[in-house]
Amino acid sequence: MSNEESPLNLNLVKQAKVIQEKMMQLLKVTNQKTVTASSGGGMVIVTANGANQLVSIKIDKQVVNPDDIEMLTDLLISAANQALAEVQSMISEEMANISGGFVLPNMDRT
């Protein structure tokens, strides 16, 4: 029996495949989850899903000022970036729970 076919190596390969399968299932589940972030004291609210897609943007009409589009743009960018960061944090936490902190190659989305 070669070193590559030792029981230890085969067991590690099996464990890695099980973890990978769990992670792929987790990705399917997290794609359906959403997180919400806001900026401007809640005047701009952005919701993103686990697939890193923005699914909702709500803008309070008080923040819509044709003379200050830059402020609205800044609030939108801030809320969107916060929501996407929360998605990545959610995914990382759930993957760490499944893998015990072990990360398989090519499992990150970025």
Protein backbone atom coordinates (compact mmCIF):
# COMPACT_ATOMS: atom_id res chain seq x y z
CA MET A 1 0.00 0.00 0.00
CA SER A 2 1.48 3.36 -0.98
CA ASN A 3 1.53 6.37 1.30
CA GLU A 4 -1.27 7.97 -0.73
CA GLU A 5 -3.56 4.98 -0.12
CA SER A 6 -2.92 4.64 3.61
CA PRO A 7 -6.01 4.37 5.83
CA LEU A 8 -5.20 7.76 7.35
CA ASN A 9 -5.10 9.49 3.96
CA LEU A 10 -8.28 7.77 2.80
CA ASN A 11 -10.03 8.78 6.01
CA LEU A 12 -8.93 12.40 5.56
CA VAL A 13 -10.22 12.41 1.99
CA LYS A 14 -13.58 11.02 3.14
CA GLN A 15 -13.81 13.62 5.91
CA ALA A 16 -12.95 16.41 3.48
CA LYS A 17 -15.66 15.23 1.08
CA VAL A 18 -18.24 15.17 3.88
CA ILE A 19 -17.28 18.69 4.94
CA GLN A 20 -17.40 19.89 1.34
CA GLU A 21 -20.88 18.40 0.86
CA LYS A 22 -22.09 20.09 4.07
CA MET A 23 -20.63 23.39 2.93
CA MET A 24 -22.29 23.18 -0.47
CA GLN A 25 -25.63 22.50 1.26
CA LEU A 26 -24.96 25.43 3.58
CA LEU A 27 -24.37 27.71 0.59
CA LYS A 28 -27.76 26.71 -0.81
CA VAL A 29 -29.39 27.57 2.53
CA THR A 30 -27.54 30.85 3.02
CA ASN A 31 -28.50 31.99 -0.48
CA GLN A 32 -32.08 32.13 0.83
CA LYS A 33 -31.22 34.09 3.98
CA THR A 34 -31.22 37.87 4.07
CA VAL A 35 -29.54 40.56 6.15
CA THR A 36 -30.56 44.19 6.47
CA ALA A 37 -28.38 47.23 7.07
CA SER A 38 -29.16 50.92 7.31
CA SER A 39 -27.46 54.28 7.17
CA GLY A 40 -28.48 57.83 7.93
CA GLY A 41 -30.27 56.78 11.08
CA GLY A 42 -32.47 54.36 9.16
CA MET A 43 -33.25 56.72 6.31
CA VAL A 44 -31.71 54.26 3.84
CA ILE A 45 -32.29 50.54 4.39
CA VAL A 46 -30.67 47.87 2.21
CA THR A 47 -31.41 44.15 2.26
CA ALA A 48 -29.04 41.60 0.72
CA ASN A 49 -29.25 37.84 0.40
CA GLY A 50 -26.65 35.15 1.00
CA ALA A 51 -25.80 35.14 -2.70
CA ASN A 52 -24.40 38.68 -2.31
CA GLN A 53 -27.30 40.23 -4.17
CA LEU A 54 -29.12 43.36 -3.11
CA VAL A 55 -32.80 42.45 -2.91
CA SER A 56 -34.33 45.61 -1.48
CA ILE A 57 -33.51 49.29 -1.05
CA LYS A 58 -35.81 51.58 0.92
CA ILE A 59 -35.21 55.32 0.93
CA ASP A 60 -37.04 57.70 3.25
CA LYS A 61 -38.43 60.57 1.19
CA GLN A 62 -36.87 63.07 3.62
CA VAL A 63 -33.40 62.11 2.39
CA VAL A 64 -34.25 62.72 -1.27
CA ASN A 65 -32.98 66.20 -1.98
CA PRO A 66 -32.33 67.08 -5.62
CA ASP A 67 -29.76 69.62 -4.45
CA ASP A 68 -27.79 67.02 -2.46
CA ILE A 69 -27.65 63.82 -4.52
CA GLU A 70 -24.14 63.19 -3.18
CA MET A 71 -25.46 62.63 0.35
CA LEU A 72 -28.05 60.12 -0.90
CA THR A 73 -25.37 58.34 -2.91
CA ASP A 74 -23.11 58.14 0.15
CA LEU A 75 -25.95 56.73 2.28
CA LEU A 76 -26.80 54.11 -0.36
CA ILE A 77 -23.18 53.01 -0.72
CA SER A 78 -22.72 52.86 3.04
CA ALA A 79 -25.84 50.75 3.65
CA ALA A 80 -25.12 48.44 0.70
CA ASN A 81 -21.52 47.84 1.76
CA GLN A 82 -22.62 47.16 5.33
CA ALA A 83 -25.27 44.67 4.18
CA LEU A 84 -22.80 42.83 1.93
CA ALA A 85 -20.22 42.71 4.75
CA GLU A 86 -22.89 41.21 7.03
CA VAL A 87 -23.63 38.56 4.39
CA GLN A 88 -19.95 37.58 4.29
CA SER A 89 -19.80 37.46 8.07
CA MET A 90 -22.93 35.27 8.21
CA ILE A 91 -21.48 32.85 5.65
CA SER A 92 -18.09 32.70 7.39
CA GLU A 93 -19.68 31.99 10.77
CA GLU A 94 -21.89 29.24 9.43
CA MET A 95 -19.07 27.62 7.46
CA ALA A 96 -16.82 27.70 10.53
CA ASN A 97 -19.56 25.95 12.52
CA ILE A 98 -19.77 23.15 9.96
CA SER A 99 -16.05 22.70 9.36
CA GLY A 100 -14.74 23.33 12.84
CA GLY A 101 -12.75 26.24 11.42
CA PHE A 102 -11.20 24.20 8.59
CA VAL A 103 -11.69 25.90 5.21
CA LEU A 104 -11.55 23.86 2.02
CA PRO A 105 -9.98 25.44 -1.07
CA ASN A 106 -12.34 27.13 -3.51
CA MET A 107 -15.16 27.34 -0.97
CA ASP A 108 -15.07 31.09 -0.53
CA ARG A 109 -17.26 33.14 -2.84
CA THR A 110 -14.97 36.05 -3.38
